[in-house]
Amino acid sequence: MRIEKHGNGFRTEFVINGQRYRPMLYKEDGTLCTTEREAKAAAPRAKIKCEDEAKNAVALKRRPQPADYELAQLFAALKPTWEIRKDWKNKQRAIAELIHYFYEVKNVRRVAQLSENDITDYITWAMAQPIPRWFGGCHRDPDADENARFWGVRYDREGNEKRRDPATMNQTYLTPLRLALKHAGRIRDHEGAFVFRNLPHVQRLKTYDREATPIPDEVFTDILNSDGPLHTKHAAIIALCFGLRESEVFDCRIKQVEFSPVPGIRLDPKRVKEKRGRLQQGSPKAMAFLAELITQARARGVEHLITWKRGPNWPWAPLSTSAGAWKKIMDGIEAKHGRRWRWHDTRAAYITHVATTSGPADAQVMARHVSAQTTARYIGIVDERRRVAAVNATERPCLDAVLKTLDPAPAATPPMESPHANVVALKKRA
């Protein structure tokens, strides 16, 4: 270890891990060494300090190990891809719940610690959680801490807390976790080898498949004659005339409507489920109705065809859904017809009517289904072979004497008292 005069003091020189160091020498009180004797006493202290700095530099340059990679890093790596999608807010809350459960409840932070049993335990825990509901309106931030009191719980028609169904778990909660682990399986180290092997499998919960229940014409007439808001009825007419989904109806704008050369609604590929832009053609009657809505929208000074006002002094604003208004309309429909229909059943009515009048192939094209199996779930209820088979099933001698005495099946379900009416009355009274 060499010591030499430098300026007003002394410095030493040595090599650590192939790097040359030339620190100035200081006494214990922090001043420069002025004599060679003081410099020789300070040289070991300077070397020890440089060795500590070299160790810290090596630790900072150390490559991440598989044991250091955490679940939150996986979600952060996929954030640029997710945050441009429409469901980013819901996905954010799902990711926050996943991180809270695995970090706080299970104490599993790193990817290498995650097992299939942990994922199974999370599914069991998540399925038992009630579905949250936001009561704060559209002018408050749902994610702000001061607005936490505006979050509540959804209740079913019997007044019980609603739990998450398998379809919600698959789409909202398990899909982000599955994509994050899939991203982890593609990570390679500096030598090109895969970092993670034998990652846990995220199962897909079994969902319930149900056949389409198109809204009958007489029920749709009652919907239009109900005391529901006018914008909901207009949206339902557009859905029945063009077969659009709920989000597509309420997002329809003036610039999307084309009257020539082919009349219809030009769908934005960024705003539809199949991510394909196309012209959804309409009949002359449907286009005349859209012309009236365009005139109404221009008079209101908006670009959306379906808008509403909160009050007399509020501006016209677009909607993203009409769940509340549709629920009130269905309360009256259930009291008269004994059952309820979903908003999506208007699209089912469109598809089944096209299949009956034009055939299954045209129904698939107009419904914009990629797979014919999806269309088959809609048109199965109007299959002629099934109708003939049901009729032939009762052509038996043992049933002739009994069935001939019965009245024909009623055109609609007999009216009944809605079980939801009592729950609604109790909530309003409370």
Protein backbone atom coordinates (compact mmCIF):
# COMPACT_ATOMS: atom_id res chain seq x y z
CA MET A 1 0.00 0.00 0.00
CA ARG A 2 1.76 3.11 -1.24
CA ILE A 3 1.52 6.54 0.41
CA GLU A 4 2.42 9.73 -1.42
CA LYS A 5 2.24 13.48 -0.97
CA HIS A 6 -0.70 15.11 -2.78
CA GLY A 7 -1.50 18.81 -2.47
CA ASN A 8 -1.79 19.86 1.17
CA GLY A 9 -2.07 16.27 2.39
CA PHE A 10 -1.35 12.62 1.63
CA ARG A 11 -3.11 9.92 -0.31
CA THR A 12 -2.77 6.15 -0.64
CA GLU A 13 -3.31 3.74 -3.51
CA PHE A 14 -4.60 0.13 -3.63
CA VAL A 15 -6.73 -2.20 -5.79
CA ILE A 16 -10.00 -3.88 -4.70
CA ASN A 17 -11.84 -6.31 -7.03
CA GLY A 18 -9.83 -5.05 -9.98
CA GLN A 19 -10.65 -1.40 -9.35
CA ARG A 20 -8.01 1.16 -8.37
CA TYR A 21 -8.66 3.45 -5.38
CA ARG A 22 -6.73 6.64 -4.48
CA PRO A 23 -8.39 8.12 -1.39
CA MET A 24 -7.10 11.10 0.54
CA LEU A 25 -5.99 10.31 4.10
CA TYR A 26 -7.70 11.94 7.04
CA LYS A 27 -7.07 11.93 10.75
CA GLU A 28 -9.72 10.71 13.19
CA ASP A 29 -10.96 14.26 13.75
CA GLY A 30 -11.70 14.58 10.00
CA THR A 31 -8.80 16.87 9.02
CA LEU A 32 -6.15 16.08 6.40
CA CYS A 33 -3.00 14.31 7.44
CA THR A 34 -0.05 16.70 7.35
CA THR A 35 2.79 14.29 8.25
CA GLU A 36 3.82 10.92 6.87
CA ARG A 37 3.39 9.32 10.29
CA GLU A 38 -0.23 10.45 10.45
CA ALA A 39 -0.76 9.19 6.89
CA LYS A 40 0.51 5.68 7.70
CA ALA A 41 -1.87 5.47 10.68
CA ALA A 42 -4.86 6.61 8.54
CA ALA A 43 -4.20 4.33 5.53
CA PRO A 44 -5.79 1.14 7.07
CA ARG A 45 -8.93 3.10 7.94
CA ALA A 46 -9.21 4.38 4.36
CA LYS A 47 -8.80 0.88 2.95
CA ILE A 48 -11.53 -0.55 5.21
CA LYS A 49 -13.88 2.23 4.12
CA CYS A 50 -13.18 1.55 0.43
CA GLU A 51 -13.74 -2.18 0.91
CA ASP A 52 -17.18 -1.48 2.43
CA GLU A 53 -18.05 0.74 -0.53
CA ALA A 54 -16.95 -2.00 -2.94
CA LYS A 55 -19.17 -4.55 -1.20
CA ASN A 56 -22.18 -2.23 -1.42
CA ALA A 57 -21.50 -1.61 -5.11
CA VAL A 58 -21.41 -5.36 -5.78
CA ALA A 59 -24.70 -5.80 -3.89
CA LEU A 60 -26.34 -3.08 -5.96
CA LYS A 61 -25.12 -4.65 -9.20
CA ARG A 62 -26.29 -8.15 -8.21
CA ARG A 63 -28.83 -9.55 -10.65
CA PRO A 64 -32.33 -10.23 -9.28
CA GLN A 65 -32.81 -13.78 -8.19
CA PRO A 66 -36.03 -15.79 -8.65
CA ALA A 67 -36.62 -15.66 -4.92
CA ASP A 68 -36.69 -11.84 -5.05
CA TYR A 69 -39.44 -11.46 -7.70
CA GLU A 70 -42.76 -10.47 -6.12
CA LEU A 71 -46.35 -10.71 -7.25
CA ALA A 72 -46.76 -6.93 -7.32
CA GLN A 73 -43.91 -6.71 -9.85
CA LEU A 74 -45.82 -9.04 -12.20
CA PHE A 75 -48.89 -6.81 -12.09
CA ALA A 76 -46.73 -3.69 -12.54
CA ALA A 77 -45.11 -5.20 -15.64
CA LEU A 78 -48.54 -5.72 -17.24
CA LYS A 79 -49.95 -2.33 -16.22
CA PRO A 80 -49.10 -0.54 -19.53
CA THR A 81 -51.14 -3.15 -21.39
CA TRP A 82 -54.09 -3.11 -19.00
CA GLU A 83 -54.50 0.60 -18.26
CA ILE A 84 -55.60 1.41 -21.82
CA ARG A 85 -58.62 -0.89 -21.56
CA LYS A 86 -62.09 0.18 -20.49
CA ASP A 87 -62.17 -2.19 -17.50
CA TRP A 88 -58.95 -0.83 -15.97
CA LYS A 89 -60.71 0.58 -12.88
CA ASN A 90 -62.29 -2.78 -12.06
CA LYS A 91 -59.01 -4.56 -12.75
CA GLN A 92 -57.22 -2.17 -10.40
CA ARG A 93 -59.57 -3.10 -7.56
CA ALA A 94 -59.15 -6.80 -8.34
CA ILE A 95 -55.35 -6.47 -8.29
CA ALA A 96 -55.52 -4.56 -5.00
CA GLU A 97 -57.57 -7.39 -3.52
CA LEU A 98 -55.16 -10.04 -4.82
CA ILE A 99 -52.15 -8.23 -3.36
CA HIS A 100 -53.95 -7.66 -0.05
CA TYR A 101 -54.91 -11.32 0.29
CA PHE A 102 -51.57 -12.88 -0.64
CA TYR A 103 -49.45 -10.28 1.18
CA GLU A 104 -51.51 -9.72 4.32
CA VAL A 105 -53.63 -12.85 4.79
CA LYS A 106 -51.37 -15.59 3.40
CA ASN A 107 -48.02 -13.78 3.86
CA VAL A 108 -46.99 -14.83 0.34
CA ARG A 109 -45.11 -12.04 -1.38
CA ARG A 110 -42.77 -13.76 -3.83
CA VAL A 111 -43.74 -15.70 -6.92
CA ALA A 112 -41.57 -18.64 -5.89
CA GLN A 113 -43.64 -19.02 -2.69
CA LEU A 114 -47.02 -19.17 -4.44
CA SER A 115 -48.66 -22.61 -4.63
CA GLU A 116 -51.90 -24.00 -6.02
CA ASN A 117 -53.20 -24.44 -2.47
CA ASP A 118 -52.78 -20.70 -1.90
CA ILE A 119 -54.77 -19.98 -5.06
CA THR A 120 -57.49 -22.44 -4.01
CA ASP A 121 -57.70 -20.78 -0.59
CA TYR A 122 -58.04 -17.38 -2.27
CA ILE A 123 -60.90 -18.64 -4.47
CA THR A 124 -62.72 -19.97 -1.40
CA TRP A 125 -62.19 -16.69 0.44
CA ALA A 126 -63.18 -14.49 -2.54
CA MET A 127 -66.35 -16.46 -3.30
CA ALA A 128 -67.54 -15.75 0.25
CA GLN A 129 -67.12 -11.97 -0.10
CA PRO A 130 -70.24 -9.89 -0.82
CA ILE A 131 -70.47 -7.94 -4.05
CA PRO A 132 -69.68 -4.26 -3.38
CA ARG A 133 -71.91 -1.46 -4.63
CA TRP A 134 -71.04 2.20 -5.11
CA PHE A 135 -73.52 4.74 -3.75
CA GLY A 136 -71.41 7.86 -4.21
CA GLY A 137 -72.60 8.89 -7.66
CA CYS A 138 -70.49 9.95 -10.63
CA HIS A 139 -68.90 13.07 -9.11
CA ARG A 140 -66.93 11.36 -6.33
CA ASP A 141 -63.80 9.26 -6.65
CA PRO A 142 -64.63 5.66 -5.65
CA ASP A 143 -60.96 4.96 -4.82
CA ALA A 144 -60.47 7.94 -2.50
CA ASP A 145 -60.15 7.14 1.21
CA GLU A 146 -62.60 9.86 2.24
CA ASN A 147 -65.29 8.26 0.05
CA ALA A 148 -65.01 4.77 1.54
CA ARG A 149 -68.31 5.30 3.38
CA PHE A 150 -70.17 5.40 0.05
CA TRP A 151 -69.39 1.74 -0.65
CA GLY A 152 -72.10 -0.72 0.25
CA VAL A 153 -73.23 -4.27 -0.47
CA ARG A 154 -75.52 -5.58 -3.19
CA TYR A 155 -78.65 -7.49 -2.16
CA ASP A 156 -80.74 -9.97 -4.09
CA ARG A 157 -84.50 -9.89 -4.45
CA GLU A 158 -84.94 -11.75 -1.16
CA GLY A 159 -82.86 -9.19 0.74
CA ASN A 160 -79.76 -11.40 1.14
CA GLU A 161 -76.23 -10.29 0.39
CA LYS A 162 -75.18 -11.24 -3.13
CA ARG A 163 -71.99 -13.25 -3.53
CA ARG A 164 -69.68 -13.46 -6.50
CA ASP A 165 -70.59 -16.02 -9.10
CA PRO A 166 -68.03 -18.20 -10.94
CA ALA A 167 -68.21 -16.09 -14.11
CA THR A 168 -67.25 -12.92 -12.19
CA MET A 169 -64.38 -14.73 -10.49
CA ASN A 170 -63.05 -16.05 -13.80
CA GLN A 171 -63.24 -12.76 -15.67
CA THR A 172 -62.42 -10.12 -13.04
CA TYR A 173 -60.19 -11.79 -10.46
CA LEU A 174 -58.62 -15.00 -11.75
CA THR A 175 -57.80 -13.72 -15.25
CA PRO A 176 -55.35 -11.02 -14.01
CA LEU A 177 -53.65 -13.59 -11.78
CA ARG A 178 -53.46 -16.09 -14.65
CA LEU A 179 -51.97 -13.51 -17.02
CA ALA A 180 -49.45 -12.40 -14.39
CA LEU A 181 -48.21 -15.96 -13.86
CA LYS A 182 -48.11 -16.47 -17.62
CA HIS A 183 -45.87 -13.41 -17.86
CA ALA A 184 -43.66 -14.83 -15.12
CA GLY A 185 -43.26 -18.04 -17.11
CA ARG A 186 -41.71 -16.06 -19.99
CA ILE A 187 -39.04 -14.29 -17.89
CA ARG A 188 -35.46 -15.38 -18.67
CA ASP A 189 -32.23 -14.75 -16.79
CA HIS A 190 -29.00 -13.24 -18.18
CA GLU A 191 -28.00 -16.65 -19.55
CA GLY A 192 -31.27 -17.08 -21.47
CA ALA A 193 -32.76 -19.75 -19.20
CA PHE A 194 -36.30 -19.53 -17.82
CA VAL A 195 -36.35 -18.05 -14.33
CA PHE A 196 -39.50 -19.78 -13.09
CA ARG A 197 -40.43 -23.37 -13.68
CA ASN A 198 -43.49 -25.33 -12.51
CA LEU A 199 -45.58 -22.27 -11.77
CA PRO A 200 -48.95 -22.96 -10.10
CA HIS A 201 -51.99 -23.46 -12.30
CA VAL A 202 -54.91 -21.04 -11.96
CA GLN A 203 -58.08 -23.03 -12.44
CA ARG A 204 -61.14 -21.87 -14.36
CA LEU A 205 -64.30 -22.19 -12.32
CA LYS A 206 -67.19 -24.00 -13.90
CA THR A 207 -69.87 -21.57 -14.99
CA TYR A 208 -73.56 -22.09 -15.59
CA ASP A 209 -74.67 -22.20 -19.21
CA ARG A 210 -78.22 -21.16 -19.89
CA GLU A 211 -80.19 -20.91 -23.07
CA ALA A 212 -81.22 -17.56 -24.49
CA THR A 213 -84.53 -16.15 -23.26
CA PRO A 214 -85.65 -13.66 -25.92
CA ILE A 215 -88.18 -11.08 -24.87
CA PRO A 216 -91.60 -11.82 -26.44
CA ASP A 217 -93.26 -9.11 -28.50
CA GLU A 218 -96.12 -8.64 -26.07
CA VAL A 219 -93.65 -8.16 -23.19
CA PHE A 220 -91.62 -5.66 -25.21
CA THR A 221 -94.83 -3.75 -25.92
CA ASP A 222 -95.48 -3.57 -22.17
CA ILE A 223 -91.92 -2.30 -21.66
CA LEU A 224 -92.48 0.54 -24.13
CA ASN A 225 -95.85 1.36 -22.52
CA SER A 226 -94.45 1.34 -18.98
CA ASP A 227 -93.70 4.47 -16.96
CA GLY A 228 -89.94 3.98 -17.29
CA PRO A 229 -87.65 6.78 -18.49
CA LEU A 230 -87.79 7.60 -22.18
CA HIS A 231 -84.04 7.21 -22.76
CA THR A 232 -84.22 3.58 -21.61
CA LYS A 233 -87.04 2.84 -24.04
CA HIS A 234 -85.13 4.48 -26.89
CA ALA A 235 -82.06 2.39 -26.05
CA ALA A 236 -84.14 -0.79 -26.00
CA ILE A 237 -85.59 0.04 -29.44
CA ILE A 238 -82.06 0.49 -30.87
CA ALA A 239 -80.99 -2.83 -29.35
CA LEU A 240 -84.01 -4.61 -30.83
CA CYS A 241 -83.57 -3.03 -34.28
CA PHE A 242 -79.79 -3.50 -34.63
CA GLY A 243 -78.92 -6.28 -32.17
CA LEU A 244 -76.39 -4.14 -30.28
CA ARG A 245 -75.09 -4.88 -26.81
CA GLU A 246 -75.91 -2.55 -23.93
CA SER A 247 -72.53 -0.78 -23.94
CA GLU A 248 -72.70 -0.37 -27.72
CA VAL A 249 -76.16 1.20 -27.56
CA PHE A 250 -75.29 3.80 -24.93
CA ASP A 251 -71.99 4.61 -26.66
CA CYS A 252 -73.65 5.20 -30.06
CA ARG A 253 -72.84 8.67 -31.45
CA ILE A 254 -74.08 10.81 -34.32
CA LYS A 255 -70.93 10.29 -36.39
CA GLN A 256 -71.44 6.50 -36.35
CA VAL A 257 -74.80 6.64 -38.16
CA GLU A 258 -74.55 6.35 -41.96
CA PHE A 259 -77.51 6.80 -44.33
CA SER A 260 -75.73 6.18 -47.64
CA PRO A 261 -74.65 4.25 -49.59
CA VAL A 262 -75.61 1.51 -47.10
CA PRO A 263 -77.66 2.61 -44.07
CA GLY A 264 -76.57 1.43 -40.66
CA ILE A 265 -74.41 2.08 -37.59
CA ARG A 266 -70.62 2.04 -38.04
CA LEU A 267 -69.20 0.28 -34.95
CA ASP A 268 -65.85 1.39 -33.54
CA PRO A 269 -63.44 -1.59 -33.26
CA LYS A 270 -62.01 -0.17 -30.04
CA ARG A 271 -65.42 -0.15 -28.35
CA VAL A 272 -66.91 -3.53 -29.28
CA LYS A 273 -66.33 -6.93 -27.78
CA GLU A 274 -65.01 -8.66 -30.91
CA LYS A 275 -62.55 -5.77 -31.65
CA ARG A 276 -63.67 -5.60 -35.27
CA GLY A 277 -65.20 -2.53 -36.84
CA ARG A 278 -68.12 -3.09 -39.21
CA LEU A 279 -71.34 -1.56 -40.43
CA GLN A 280 -74.39 -2.93 -38.61
CA GLN A 281 -77.08 -2.45 -41.26
CA GLY A 282 -80.58 -1.32 -40.39
CA SER A 283 -83.98 -1.24 -42.01
CA PRO A 284 -85.61 1.97 -43.33
CA LYS A 285 -87.86 2.08 -40.25
CA ALA A 286 -84.86 1.75 -37.93
CA MET A 287 -82.93 4.44 -39.78
CA ALA A 288 -85.92 6.80 -39.59
CA PHE A 289 -85.95 6.30 -35.81
CA LEU A 290 -82.20 7.06 -35.67
CA ALA A 291 -82.80 10.23 -37.70
CA GLU A 292 -85.23 11.41 -35.02
CA LEU A 293 -82.67 10.66 -32.29
CA ILE A 294 -79.98 12.57 -34.24
CA THR A 295 -82.26 15.60 -34.48
CA GLN A 296 -82.94 15.34 -30.76
CA ALA A 297 -79.22 15.02 -29.92
CA ARG A 298 -78.28 18.07 -32.00
CA ALA A 299 -80.99 20.10 -30.31
CA ARG A 300 -79.54 19.06 -26.96
CA GLY A 301 -75.99 19.93 -28.05
CA VAL A 302 -74.55 16.42 -27.50
CA GLU A 303 -73.03 13.78 -29.77
CA HIS A 304 -74.49 10.69 -28.06
CA LEU A 305 -77.89 9.47 -29.21
CA ILE A 306 -78.97 8.35 -25.72
CA THR A 307 -78.64 11.04 -23.02
CA TRP A 308 -80.41 12.06 -19.83
CA LYS A 309 -80.67 14.97 -17.38
CA ARG A 310 -80.23 14.69 -13.64
CA GLY A 311 -82.43 17.75 -13.07
CA PRO A 312 -83.82 20.86 -14.75
CA ASN A 313 -80.58 22.81 -14.29
CA TRP A 314 -78.27 19.96 -15.27
CA PRO A 315 -76.82 19.46 -18.76
CA TRP A 316 -77.62 16.52 -20.98
CA ALA A 317 -75.08 13.73 -20.37
CA PRO A 318 -74.47 10.24 -21.80
CA LEU A 319 -74.95 7.02 -19.82
CA SER A 320 -72.88 3.89 -19.57
CA THR A 321 -75.75 1.67 -18.43
CA SER A 322 -79.44 1.75 -17.59
CA ALA A 323 -79.46 -0.90 -14.88
CA GLY A 324 -81.50 1.12 -12.38
CA ALA A 325 -84.21 2.13 -14.83
CA TRP A 326 -84.38 -1.36 -16.31
CA LYS A 327 -84.78 -2.82 -12.83
CA LYS A 328 -87.78 -0.59 -12.12
CA ILE A 329 -89.36 -1.51 -15.43
CA MET A 330 -88.85 -5.21 -14.71
CA ASP A 331 -90.62 -4.83 -11.36
CA GLY A 332 -93.79 -3.97 -13.23
CA ILE A 333 -93.19 -6.66 -15.86
CA GLU A 334 -92.70 -9.30 -13.18
CA ALA A 335 -95.93 -8.29 -11.46
CA LYS A 336 -97.82 -8.82 -14.73
CA HIS A 337 -95.98 -11.73 -16.40
CA GLY A 338 -94.52 -13.53 -13.38
CA ARG A 339 -90.84 -13.31 -14.41
CA ARG A 340 -88.06 -10.89 -15.30
CA TRP A 341 -85.88 -10.43 -18.38
CA ARG A 342 -82.32 -9.15 -18.67
CA TRP A 343 -81.26 -6.27 -20.89
CA HIS A 344 -79.24 -8.72 -23.00
CA ASP A 345 -82.47 -10.57 -23.78
CA THR A 346 -83.33 -7.77 -26.22
CA ARG A 347 -80.30 -8.83 -28.25
CA ALA A 348 -81.45 -12.44 -27.93
CA ALA A 349 -84.85 -11.41 -29.33
CA TYR A 350 -83.10 -9.78 -32.30
CA ILE A 351 -80.95 -12.85 -33.04
CA THR A 352 -83.76 -15.38 -32.72
CA HIS A 353 -86.04 -13.28 -34.95
CA VAL A 354 -83.33 -13.06 -37.64
CA ALA A 355 -82.73 -16.82 -37.35
CA THR A 356 -86.44 -17.54 -37.74
CA THR A 357 -86.98 -15.21 -40.71
CA SER A 358 -83.62 -15.43 -42.54
CA GLY A 359 -81.82 -18.55 -41.26
CA PRO A 360 -78.97 -19.42 -38.85
CA ALA A 361 -76.19 -18.29 -41.22
CA ASP A 362 -77.60 -14.77 -41.48
CA ALA A 363 -78.20 -14.72 -37.74
CA GLN A 364 -74.52 -15.42 -37.09
CA VAL A 365 -73.46 -12.62 -39.44
CA MET A 366 -75.88 -10.06 -38.00
CA ALA A 367 -75.03 -11.06 -34.43
CA ARG A 368 -71.29 -10.64 -35.20
CA HIS A 369 -70.46 -13.99 -33.63
CA VAL A 370 -67.08 -15.48 -34.46
CA SER A 371 -68.22 -19.00 -33.58
CA ALA A 372 -71.36 -20.69 -34.84
CA GLN A 373 -71.69 -22.39 -31.46
CA THR A 374 -72.38 -19.03 -29.85
CA THR A 375 -75.19 -18.37 -32.30
CA ALA A 376 -76.55 -21.88 -31.72
CA ARG A 377 -77.16 -21.02 -28.06
CA TYR A 378 -79.43 -18.18 -29.17
CA ILE A 379 -81.35 -19.91 -31.94
CA GLY A 380 -81.75 -23.27 -30.21
CA ILE A 381 -84.99 -22.15 -28.61
CA VAL A 382 -86.61 -21.63 -32.03
CA ASP A 383 -85.31 -24.86 -33.55
CA GLU A 384 -88.15 -26.44 -35.55
CA ARG A 385 -86.90 -29.97 -34.87
CA ARG A 386 -87.11 -29.42 -31.14
CA ARG A 387 -90.66 -28.10 -31.50
CA VAL A 388 -91.73 -31.12 -33.56
CA ALA A 389 -90.03 -33.48 -31.10
CA ALA A 390 -91.88 -31.86 -28.19
CA VAL A 391 -95.20 -32.26 -30.00
CA ASN A 392 -94.51 -35.89 -30.88
CA ALA A 393 -93.54 -36.67 -27.29
CA THR A 394 -97.18 -36.31 -26.21
CA GLU A 395 -98.65 -38.32 -29.09
CA ARG A 396 -99.24 -41.41 -26.96
CA PRO A 397 -102.46 -43.34 -26.33
CA CYS A 398 -102.03 -43.27 -22.58
CA LEU A 399 -101.99 -39.47 -22.61
CA ASP A 400 -104.77 -38.82 -25.11
CA ALA A 401 -107.61 -39.27 -22.62
CA VAL A 402 -105.97 -36.92 -20.10
CA LEU A 403 -104.47 -34.22 -22.30
CA LYS A 404 -107.54 -33.74 -24.46
CA THR A 405 -109.48 -32.53 -21.43
CA LEU A 406 -106.90 -29.85 -20.57
CA ASP A 407 -107.10 -26.29 -21.86
CA PRO A 408 -104.44 -25.14 -24.32
CA ALA A 409 -101.32 -23.58 -22.86
CA PRO A 410 -101.81 -19.88 -22.05
CA ALA A 411 -100.07 -17.36 -24.25
CA ALA A 412 -98.27 -15.87 -21.26
CA THR A 413 -97.43 -16.84 -17.72
CA PRO A 414 -100.28 -16.08 -15.29
CA PRO A 415 -99.66 -12.89 -13.33
CA MET A 416 -98.32 -13.30 -9.84
CA GLU A 417 -97.23 -11.12 -6.95
CA SER A 418 -93.58 -10.15 -7.24
CA PRO A 419 -91.45 -11.35 -4.30
CA HIS A 420 -89.21 -8.37 -4.94
CA ALA A 421 -91.97 -5.85 -4.24
CA ASN A 422 -91.94 -6.48 -0.47
CA VAL A 423 -88.16 -6.08 -0.29
CA VAL A 424 -88.29 -2.82 -2.23
CA ALA A 425 -91.09 -1.50 -0.01
CA LEU A 426 -89.15 -2.36 3.17
CA LYS A 427 -85.98 -0.66 1.88
CA LYS A 428 -87.87 2.50 0.93
CA ARG A 429 -89.60 2.53 4.31
CA ALA A 430 -86.22 2.15 6.06
